[in-house]
Protein backbone atom coordinates (compact mmCIF):
# COMPACT_ATOMS: atom_id res chain seq x y z
CA MET A 1 -12.06 -8.88 -32.85
CA LYS A 2 -11.00 -5.13 -32.81
CA TYR A 3 -10.85 -2.75 -30.01
CA ASP A 4 -10.42 0.68 -29.53
CA VAL A 5 -8.53 0.03 -26.37
CA THR A 6 -7.13 -3.06 -24.79
CA VAL A 7 -6.05 -3.10 -21.08
CA ILE A 8 -3.44 -5.53 -19.97
CA GLY A 9 -3.79 -6.46 -16.34
CA SER A 10 -6.87 -6.31 -14.10
CA GLY A 11 -5.65 -4.86 -10.84
CA PRO A 12 -6.99 -1.33 -9.44
CA GLY A 13 -5.17 0.44 -12.23
CA GLY A 14 -6.43 -1.80 -15.10
CA TYR A 15 -9.91 -2.29 -14.14
CA VAL A 16 -10.50 1.27 -13.31
CA ALA A 17 -8.92 2.26 -16.48
CA ALA A 18 -11.07 -0.32 -18.51
CA ILE A 19 -14.19 1.04 -16.92
CA ARG A 20 -13.34 4.73 -17.68
CA CYS A 21 -12.46 3.79 -21.14
CA ALA A 22 -15.99 2.20 -21.45
CA GLN A 23 -17.73 5.15 -19.83
CA LEU A 24 -16.06 7.54 -22.42
CA GLY A 25 -17.61 5.64 -25.30
CA LEU A 26 -14.31 3.56 -26.27
CA LYS A 27 -14.92 -0.30 -27.28
CA THR A 28 -12.62 -1.81 -24.43
CA ALA A 29 -11.17 -5.22 -23.79
CA ILE A 30 -9.28 -6.40 -20.59
CA ILE A 31 -6.77 -9.23 -20.33
CA GLU A 32 -6.03 -10.95 -17.09
CA LYS A 33 -3.68 -13.91 -16.87
CA TYR A 34 -5.21 -15.44 -13.74
CA SER A 35 -8.80 -16.69 -13.66
CA VAL A 36 -9.98 -13.99 -11.44
CA LEU A 37 -9.96 -10.32 -11.65
CA GLY A 38 -8.45 -7.83 -9.28
CA GLY A 39 -4.78 -8.19 -9.42
CA THR A 40 -2.21 -8.29 -6.58
CA CYS A 41 -4.22 -5.81 -4.49
CA LEU A 42 -7.48 -7.75 -4.32
CA ASN A 43 -6.19 -11.25 -4.31
CA VAL A 44 -2.72 -11.26 -2.59
CA GLY A 45 -2.28 -7.73 -1.35
CA CYS A 46 -4.27 -4.80 -0.05
CA ILE A 47 -7.73 -6.42 0.49
CA PRO A 48 -6.64 -9.71 2.10
CA SER A 49 -3.99 -8.17 4.22
CA LYS A 50 -6.57 -5.63 5.49
CA ALA A 51 -9.10 -8.48 5.99
CA LEU A 52 -6.42 -10.19 8.45
CA LEU A 53 -5.44 -6.98 9.89
CA ASP A 54 -9.06 -6.45 11.01
CA SER A 55 -9.57 -9.83 12.21
CA SER A 56 -6.38 -9.91 14.17
CA GLU A 57 -7.01 -6.61 15.92
CA HIS A 58 -10.36 -7.92 17.09
CA PHE A 59 -8.78 -10.79 18.66
CA HIS A 60 -5.97 -8.49 20.23
CA ASN A 61 -8.49 -6.32 21.69
CA ALA A 62 -10.72 -9.26 23.07
CA ALA A 63 -7.32 -10.19 24.80
CA HIS A 64 -6.20 -6.98 26.01
CA THR A 65 -8.89 -4.21 26.21
CA PHE A 66 -12.28 -5.94 26.58
CA LYS A 67 -11.86 -6.36 30.16
CA THR A 68 -11.56 -2.75 30.63
CA HIS A 69 -14.60 -2.12 28.51
CA GLY A 70 -16.53 -4.26 30.86
CA ILE A 71 -16.59 -7.35 28.52
CA GLU A 72 -15.61 -10.70 30.18
CA ILE A 73 -14.52 -13.42 27.76
CA GLU A 74 -13.15 -17.01 28.91
CA ASN A 75 -11.13 -19.42 26.88
CA LEU A 76 -10.36 -16.94 24.08
CA ARG A 77 -8.46 -18.73 21.15
CA VAL A 78 -7.48 -18.15 17.57
CA ASN A 79 -9.36 -20.05 14.82
CA LEU A 80 -6.65 -19.12 12.11
CA GLU A 81 -8.46 -21.54 9.62
CA GLN A 82 -11.75 -19.61 10.04
CA MET A 83 -9.81 -16.31 9.91
CA ILE A 84 -8.01 -17.23 6.68
CA ALA A 85 -11.53 -18.50 5.33
CA ARG A 86 -13.12 -15.10 5.87
CA LYS A 87 -10.21 -13.42 4.11
CA SER A 88 -11.17 -15.78 1.35
CA ASP A 89 -14.68 -14.79 1.27
CA VAL A 90 -13.95 -11.07 1.29
CA ILE A 91 -11.67 -11.70 -1.85
CA LYS A 92 -14.32 -13.77 -3.62
CA SER A 93 -16.77 -11.02 -2.96
CA ASN A 94 -14.58 -8.19 -4.49
CA ASN A 95 -13.82 -10.68 -7.57
CA ASP A 96 -17.51 -11.11 -8.21
CA GLY A 97 -17.92 -7.29 -7.88
CA ILE A 98 -15.42 -6.44 -10.45
CA ALA A 99 -16.59 -9.06 -12.95
CA TYR A 100 -20.21 -7.62 -12.55
CA LEU A 101 -18.36 -3.95 -13.17
CA MET A 102 -17.01 -5.38 -16.35
CA LYS A 103 -20.39 -6.78 -17.51
CA LYS A 104 -22.24 -3.64 -16.57
CA ASN A 105 -19.77 -1.36 -18.60
CA LYS A 106 -19.70 -3.88 -21.48
CA VAL A 107 -16.04 -4.49 -21.28
CA ASP A 108 -15.10 -7.79 -22.81
CA VAL A 109 -12.78 -10.05 -20.55
CA TYR A 110 -10.05 -12.33 -21.63
CA ASN A 111 -8.35 -14.75 -19.32
CA GLY A 112 -4.63 -15.48 -20.45
CA LEU A 113 -1.29 -13.94 -20.69
CA GLY A 114 -1.46 -10.92 -22.98
CA SER A 115 1.54 -10.10 -25.14
CA PHE A 116 2.29 -8.02 -28.09
CA VAL A 117 2.69 -9.49 -31.56
CA ASN A 118 3.27 -5.76 -32.81
CA LYS A 119 1.81 -2.46 -31.45
CA ASN A 120 -1.64 -3.00 -32.74
CA THR A 121 -2.06 -7.08 -32.20
CA ILE A 122 -2.16 -8.66 -28.86
CA LYS A 123 -1.99 -12.60 -28.46
CA ILE A 124 -3.74 -14.12 -25.55
CA THR A 125 -2.33 -17.38 -24.26
CA GLY A 126 -4.75 -19.38 -21.88
CA GLN A 127 -3.67 -21.53 -19.10
CA ASP A 128 -4.40 -24.49 -21.36
CA GLY A 129 -1.98 -23.02 -23.97
CA ALA A 130 -4.77 -22.08 -26.44
CA GLU A 131 -4.11 -18.96 -28.25
CA GLN A 132 -5.88 -16.23 -29.88
CA GLN A 133 -5.51 -12.60 -31.15
CA ILE A 134 -7.13 -9.28 -31.05
CA GLU A 135 -6.54 -6.18 -32.78
CA THR A 136 -6.48 -2.82 -30.86
CA ASP A 137 -5.99 0.92 -31.53
CA LYS A 138 -4.40 1.68 -28.24
CA ALA A 139 -3.28 -0.30 -25.35
CA ILE A 140 -2.76 0.30 -21.57
CA ILE A 141 -0.42 -1.69 -19.78
CA ALA A 142 -1.29 -2.41 -16.18
CA THR A 143 0.50 -5.59 -14.94
CA GLY A 144 1.61 -4.38 -11.59
CA SER A 145 4.46 -5.62 -9.70
CA LYS A 146 5.79 -8.72 -7.72
CA PRO A 147 7.76 -9.37 -4.59
CA ILE A 148 11.64 -8.87 -4.98
CA ASN A 149 13.61 -11.97 -4.43
CA LEU A 150 17.27 -11.75 -3.61
CA PRO A 151 19.64 -14.37 -4.62
CA PHE A 152 20.92 -14.80 -1.12
CA LEU A 153 17.17 -15.21 0.26
CA PRO A 154 15.99 -18.18 -1.36
CA VAL A 155 12.24 -18.34 -0.96
CA ASP A 156 10.87 -21.80 -0.40
CA LYS A 157 7.51 -20.68 -0.05
CA ASN A 158 6.96 -22.74 3.08
CA ARG A 159 9.33 -21.30 5.87
CA ILE A 160 11.19 -18.42 3.97
CA ILE A 161 8.14 -16.75 2.47
CA THR A 162 6.84 -13.39 0.75
CA SER A 163 3.77 -11.55 1.43
CA THR A 164 1.76 -13.91 -0.65
CA GLU A 165 2.39 -17.02 1.34
CA ALA A 166 2.14 -14.95 4.82
CA LEU A 167 -1.68 -14.61 3.92
CA THR A 168 -2.60 -18.36 4.07
CA LEU A 169 -0.36 -19.60 6.81
CA LYS A 170 -1.81 -22.57 8.61
CA GLU A 171 -0.32 -21.73 12.15
CA VAL A 172 0.53 -18.70 14.08
CA PRO A 173 4.47 -18.62 13.79
CA LYS A 174 6.19 -18.75 17.18
CA HIS A 175 8.86 -16.39 15.93
CA LEU A 176 8.33 -14.43 12.86
CA ILE A 177 11.59 -12.76 11.32
CA VAL A 178 10.66 -9.93 9.00
CA ILE A 179 13.17 -8.66 6.66
CA GLY A 180 12.34 -5.28 5.73
CA GLY A 181 10.78 -2.46 7.83
CA GLY A 182 8.56 -1.11 5.32
CA VAL A 183 4.83 -1.17 5.06
CA ILE A 184 4.32 -4.82 4.03
CA GLY A 185 6.59 -6.39 6.57
CA LEU A 186 5.01 -4.17 9.28
CA GLU A 187 1.49 -4.89 8.44
CA LEU A 188 2.05 -8.56 8.20
CA GLY A 189 4.19 -8.59 11.24
CA SER A 190 1.22 -6.93 13.07
CA VAL A 191 -1.30 -9.56 11.97
CA TYR A 192 0.64 -12.40 13.75
CA ALA A 193 2.21 -10.41 16.48
CA ARG A 194 -1.56 -9.73 17.55
CA LEU A 195 -2.21 -13.48 17.38
CA GLY A 196 0.70 -14.09 19.76
CA ALA A 197 3.88 -14.52 17.48
CA LYS A 198 7.30 -13.03 18.48
CA VAL A 199 8.20 -10.52 15.59
CA SER A 200 11.70 -9.28 14.85
CA VAL A 201 12.21 -7.00 12.16
CA VAL A 202 15.60 -6.80 10.63
CA GLU A 203 16.17 -3.47 8.68
CA TYR A 204 18.98 -2.38 6.54
CA THR A 205 18.39 1.57 7.16
CA ASP A 206 18.02 3.32 10.41
CA ALA A 207 14.20 3.40 10.82
CA ILE A 208 11.05 1.82 9.88
CA ILE A 209 8.87 3.22 6.92
CA PRO A 210 11.92 5.40 6.12
CA THR A 211 10.40 7.21 3.31
CA MET A 212 7.75 8.84 5.25
CA ASP A 213 8.17 11.61 7.72
CA ARG A 214 10.55 10.51 10.22
CA SER A 215 8.52 11.33 12.98
CA LEU A 216 5.76 8.63 12.00
CA GLY A 217 8.31 6.02 11.98
CA LYS A 218 9.71 6.88 15.49
CA GLU A 219 6.28 6.80 16.89
CA LEU A 220 5.08 3.54 15.18
CA GLN A 221 8.47 1.99 16.51
CA ARG A 222 7.72 3.05 19.94
CA VAL A 223 4.01 1.76 20.04
CA LEU A 224 4.68 -1.54 18.12
CA LYS A 225 7.33 -2.28 20.61
CA LYS A 226 5.11 -1.36 23.67
CA THR A 227 1.94 -3.05 22.44
CA LEU A 228 3.00 -6.05 20.41
CA GLY A 229 6.41 -6.68 21.73
CA PHE A 230 8.13 -5.94 18.34
CA GLU A 231 11.91 -6.24 18.34
CA PHE A 232 13.94 -3.97 15.94
CA PHE A 233 17.32 -4.43 14.51
CA PHE A 234 18.38 -1.39 12.55
CA GLY A 235 21.57 -0.96 10.43
CA HIS A 236 21.69 -4.84 9.88
CA LYS A 237 22.57 -6.13 6.34
CA VAL A 238 20.95 -9.58 5.82
CA THR A 239 23.45 -11.87 4.25
CA GLY A 240 21.50 -15.16 4.13
CA ALA A 241 18.72 -17.53 5.04
CA GLU A 242 18.29 -21.32 5.25
CA VAL A 243 15.71 -23.61 6.37
CA GLN A 244 16.70 -26.11 9.25
CA GLY A 245 13.98 -28.45 9.77
CA GLU A 246 10.90 -26.71 10.88
CA GLY A 247 12.86 -23.58 11.46
CA VAL A 248 14.84 -20.90 9.76
CA ARG A 249 18.19 -19.31 10.46
CA VAL A 250 18.85 -15.81 9.05
CA THR A 251 22.40 -14.32 9.12
CA ALA A 252 23.19 -10.56 9.02
CA GLU A 253 26.01 -7.97 9.33
CA SER A 254 25.43 -5.56 12.49
CA PRO A 255 26.30 -1.91 12.09
CA LYS A 256 29.57 -2.95 13.87
CA GLY A 257 30.55 -5.39 11.13
CA GLN A 258 29.83 -8.44 13.25
CA THR A 259 27.94 -11.61 12.04
CA VAL A 260 24.75 -12.02 14.03
CA THR A 261 21.96 -14.77 13.48
CA PHE A 262 18.34 -14.86 13.91
CA GLU A 263 16.54 -18.06 14.47
CA GLY A 264 12.90 -18.42 14.08
CA ASP A 265 10.05 -20.72 12.59
CA TYR A 266 9.05 -18.53 9.55
CA CYS A 267 10.96 -15.60 7.82
CA LEU A 268 9.04 -13.04 5.77
CA VAL A 269 11.16 -11.48 2.99
CA SER A 270 9.52 -7.90 2.37
CA VAL A 271 12.31 -5.91 0.77
CA GLY A 272 10.13 -4.27 -1.85
CA ARG A 273 8.52 -5.08 -5.16
CA LYS A 274 9.62 -4.80 -8.88
CA PRO A 275 7.69 -4.26 -11.94
CA TYR A 276 5.88 -7.28 -13.89
CA THR A 277 6.94 -7.08 -17.50
CA GLU A 278 7.91 -10.75 -18.25
CA GLY A 279 6.19 -12.40 -21.05
CA LEU A 280 4.59 -9.06 -22.31
CA GLY A 281 6.54 -9.10 -25.72
CA LEU A 282 7.41 -5.43 -25.20
CA GLU A 283 10.18 -5.97 -27.78
CA ASN A 284 7.74 -6.86 -30.60
CA ALA A 285 6.01 -3.56 -30.04
CA GLY A 286 9.12 -1.62 -29.61
CA VAL A 287 8.35 -0.48 -25.99
CA GLN A 288 11.57 0.61 -24.08
CA LEU A 289 12.22 0.07 -20.40
CA GLY A 290 13.38 2.69 -18.12
CA GLU A 291 15.43 2.46 -14.94
CA ARG A 292 14.92 -0.73 -12.54
CA GLY A 293 13.17 -2.41 -15.14
CA MET A 294 10.17 0.06 -15.21
CA ILE A 295 8.35 0.94 -18.37
CA ALA A 296 9.44 4.48 -19.22
CA VAL A 297 6.72 7.01 -19.95
CA ASP A 298 6.20 10.54 -20.81
CA ASP A 299 3.92 13.10 -18.58
CA HIS A 300 0.80 11.72 -20.43
CA LEU A 301 1.98 8.15 -19.29
CA GLN A 302 2.66 7.32 -22.86
CA THR A 303 5.45 5.02 -23.71
CA ASN A 304 7.95 5.75 -26.61
CA VAL A 305 5.55 4.02 -28.89
CA PRO A 306 2.46 6.20 -29.72
CA GLY A 307 -1.00 4.52 -28.48
CA ILE A 308 0.63 2.39 -25.95
CA TYR A 309 0.55 3.68 -22.36
CA ALA A 310 1.48 2.30 -18.96
CA ILE A 311 0.14 2.75 -15.53
CA GLY A 312 0.67 1.82 -11.78
CA ASP A 313 3.39 -0.04 -10.31
CA VAL A 314 5.04 -0.98 -13.73
CA ILE A 315 6.05 2.73 -14.06
CA ARG A 316 7.72 5.31 -11.89
CA GLY A 317 6.43 6.42 -8.51
CA ALA A 318 5.10 4.94 -5.52
CA MET A 319 3.53 1.39 -5.82
CA LEU A 320 0.16 2.33 -4.50
CA ALA A 321 -3.38 0.93 -5.77
CA HIS A 322 -4.97 4.52 -5.61
CA LYS A 323 -1.97 5.95 -7.59
CA ALA A 324 -2.58 3.31 -10.30
CA GLU A 325 -6.28 4.07 -10.19
CA GLU A 326 -5.64 7.90 -10.85
CA GLU A 327 -3.50 7.12 -13.60
CA GLY A 328 -5.90 4.69 -15.21
CA VAL A 329 -8.54 7.44 -15.35
CA LEU A 330 -6.01 10.13 -16.54
CA VAL A 331 -4.86 7.83 -19.53
CA ALA A 332 -8.50 7.04 -20.48
CA GLU A 333 -9.43 10.66 -20.29
CA ILE A 334 -6.37 11.71 -22.49
CA MET A 335 -7.48 9.18 -24.94
CA ALA A 336 -10.94 10.89 -25.25
CA GLY A 337 -9.43 14.14 -25.68
CA GLN A 338 -9.95 15.45 -22.02
CA LYS A 339 -7.13 17.33 -20.24
CA PRO A 340 -7.05 15.50 -16.80
CA HIS A 341 -4.09 16.11 -14.14
CA ILE A 342 -2.44 14.26 -11.25
CA ASN A 343 -0.57 16.22 -8.31
CA TYR A 344 1.77 13.29 -7.36
CA ASN A 345 2.66 15.16 -4.40
CA LEU A 346 -0.90 14.86 -2.97
CA ILE A 347 -1.28 11.00 -3.32
CA PRO A 348 -1.30 9.89 0.22
CA GLY A 349 0.78 6.91 1.66
CA VAL A 350 -1.02 4.70 4.40
CA VAL A 351 0.17 2.04 6.68
CA TYR A 352 -2.61 -0.16 7.95
CA THR A 353 -0.99 -1.14 11.45
CA TRP A 354 -2.74 0.00 14.55
CA PRO A 355 -2.44 2.89 15.13
CA GLU A 356 -2.70 3.52 11.41
CA VAL A 357 -0.16 5.89 9.63
CA ALA A 358 -0.48 8.05 6.78
CA GLY A 359 1.08 11.10 5.04
CA VAL A 360 0.63 13.42 2.22
CA GLY A 361 2.54 16.26 0.75
CA PHE A 362 6.05 17.28 1.86
CA THR A 363 7.72 15.59 4.81
CA GLU A 364 9.63 17.92 7.29
CA GLU A 365 13.07 16.50 6.30
CA GLN A 366 12.07 17.38 2.52
CA LEU A 367 11.24 20.84 3.66
CA LYS A 368 14.64 21.34 5.46
CA GLN A 369 16.58 19.89 2.46
CA GLN A 370 14.71 22.43 -0.09
CA GLY A 371 15.36 25.38 2.47
CA THR A 372 11.79 26.15 2.52
CA ALA A 373 10.71 28.22 5.55
CA TYR A 374 7.82 26.43 7.24
CA LYS A 375 6.00 26.04 10.74
CA VAL A 376 4.83 23.05 12.42
CA GLY A 377 1.50 22.26 14.36
CA SER A 378 1.10 19.17 16.14
CA PHE A 379 -1.63 17.59 18.39
CA PRO A 380 -1.54 14.42 20.09
CA PHE A 381 -4.32 11.97 20.43
CA LYS A 382 -3.76 11.43 24.30
CA ALA A 383 -5.37 15.18 24.37
CA SER A 384 -8.47 13.75 22.23
CA GLY A 385 -11.70 13.09 24.16
CA ARG A 386 -12.90 10.63 21.33
CA ALA A 387 -9.32 8.79 21.31
CA LYS A 388 -9.62 8.57 25.30
CA ALA A 389 -13.31 7.17 24.82
CA SER A 390 -12.04 4.42 22.59
CA MET A 391 -8.49 3.78 24.34
CA ASP A 392 -6.60 4.94 21.34
CA THR A 393 -4.42 7.43 22.61
CA ASP A 394 -1.17 6.69 20.84
CA GLY A 395 -0.12 9.12 18.02
CA PHE A 396 -0.59 12.55 16.69
CA VAL A 397 -1.37 14.87 13.62
CA LYS A 398 1.41 17.02 12.41
CA VAL A 399 0.66 19.93 10.05
CA LEU A 400 3.43 21.53 8.01
CA ALA A 401 2.63 25.09 6.66
CA ASP A 402 4.47 27.57 4.78
CA ALA A 403 5.98 30.26 7.08
CA GLN A 404 4.78 33.15 4.97
CA THR A 405 1.56 32.20 3.40
CA ASP A 406 0.25 29.69 5.94
CA GLU A 407 -0.54 27.32 2.94
CA ILE A 408 -0.48 23.68 4.29
CA LEU A 409 2.54 21.83 2.60
CA GLY A 410 2.48 18.53 4.15
CA VAL A 411 0.15 16.44 6.86
CA HIS A 412 1.47 13.46 8.72
CA MET A 413 -0.49 11.40 10.96
CA ILE A 414 -0.36 8.20 13.23
CA GLY A 415 -3.33 7.21 15.38
CA PRO A 416 -6.84 5.82 15.26
CA ARG A 417 -8.62 5.65 11.77
CA ILE A 418 -6.05 7.74 10.10
CA ALA A 419 -6.28 5.94 6.68
CA ASP A 420 -9.69 7.74 6.62
CA LEU A 421 -8.64 10.96 8.26
CA ILE A 422 -5.90 11.56 5.73
CA ALA A 423 -8.43 12.38 3.24
CA GLU A 424 -9.18 15.70 4.76
CA ALA A 425 -5.58 16.71 4.46
CA VAL A 426 -5.68 15.68 0.69
CA VAL A 427 -8.85 17.88 -0.03
CA ALA A 428 -7.34 20.85 1.90
CA MET A 429 -4.29 20.58 0.05
CA GLU A 430 -5.90 20.12 -3.49
CA PHE A 431 -7.47 23.44 -2.88
CA ARG A 432 -4.31 25.08 -1.48
CA ALA A 433 -5.92 25.70 2.00
CA SER A 434 -4.09 27.50 4.67
CA ALA A 435 -3.85 26.02 8.13
CA GLU A 436 -6.09 28.73 9.52
CA ASP A 437 -8.60 27.65 6.78
CA ILE A 438 -8.87 24.13 8.38
CA ALA A 439 -8.84 25.68 11.94
CA ARG A 440 -11.82 27.80 11.18
CA MET A 441 -13.87 25.05 10.06
CA SER A 442 -16.39 23.20 12.32
CA HIS A 443 -15.24 19.46 13.29
CA ALA A 444 -17.94 17.58 14.85
CA HIS A 445 -17.05 16.69 18.60
CA PRO A 446 -16.06 14.34 19.74
CA THR A 447 -14.46 12.84 16.80
CA TYR A 448 -10.90 11.94 15.77
CA THR A 449 -10.93 14.51 13.09
CA GLU A 450 -10.92 17.08 15.80
CA ALA A 451 -7.14 16.35 15.88
CA MET A 452 -6.66 18.01 12.32
CA LYS A 453 -8.27 20.94 13.51
CA GLU A 454 -6.38 21.29 16.44
CA ALA A 455 -2.96 20.70 14.68
CA CYS A 456 -3.82 23.48 12.32
CA LEU A 457 -4.77 25.76 15.23
CA ALA A 458 -1.38 24.88 16.76
CA ALA A 459 0.28 25.73 13.31
CA THR A 460 -1.69 29.07 13.52
CA GLU A 461 0.04 31.13 16.16
CA ASN A 462 0.00 28.07 18.29
CA ARG A 463 -3.70 28.59 18.97
CA ALA A 464 -4.61 24.82 19.90
CA ILE A 465 -7.48 24.72 22.48
CA HIS A 466 -7.03 21.18 24.10
CA ILE A 467 -3.12 21.12 24.53
């Protein structure tokens, strides 16, 4: 079979790329090594973790806030098996949805491991070992990433686990030790803390979510400690972990150089992810790798081999599903002769804890480092009528604007429904809006979005109304 373009990998980047290629009239195939489509995000990442985050938040609210709302519940308990089953149903629904989209757009789906025989020939090896080959003019590598395993942290997938195993536990941990204070560790730690687990976060740096604006990490740390009892151990270098019966013992070096130990019944290793390129036969096509095992690409996301492109977690930049989607569309449109663009500075980052956290554009630390003159406008949710009504008063919206032009340079939020609210900031910045532009737009009352307006008012000659 001969195709105009073949996509290897069916995660958000891959399946979106395939759909856009098909929409543009290219005969398209997609190869997925597993039996279902959707990649890490849909099957063991974004979607299942959000399903558990929602379920656990319902339980936490039932236990801690329902009474204040006038809702009386007796004998409240967690049915973890049902919670996991619901998560599985959500996954299957999305799997079926992507399969439907492939059929609707006439994208041919191949299940098996795709590997290059040469730049225009791809071999597909099924799980039963059967092989077939297809020819293609162009290819898009969208194979994603997998959790990093460290030699001194041997993952046994039982007691010492990665995010994948954390989505299918059969019991709520008594004490979950989380190694790494990034997004994945905090989200999954939140799930089990809400269900009653003690959670200890051991982090090598001096802050959680250290790549985001530092004000967000400080506030999230405060809230997680206050509402869920999180413990944080910063500046700790983990040196080992071992299973002891039905428990785990983690050793680390403290900031003072002392050896300390942590004992729990589960240890979640969440120290980052690495690009998945094994078995792709890149050497057969002449594709070169860049730093940290990532595939090197140019500004059009083309590799050193003409006609072979790469997108998503397997190349440079943040490992975000929506970043991969944008790159999939960009590559498809470039193939069709269009001139798309991506402003990487305006791809938002989101943490789905509660309160939710998000940021887009430059952080305050980056602006200081660049020597950019800026002004700050901030508005706390404790002053929001809508947040008071829902008992979600932790957090704030912070707007950073150019000191001379008032153009919005960065927006950083922590609070209720922030994952959705950040989109307003992205739209504003894509159109190079000033803080005053947003401040003069009507925002419905009472809504959480009023916090964005008020923060922009605060950045515009300190004109916030409700603080």
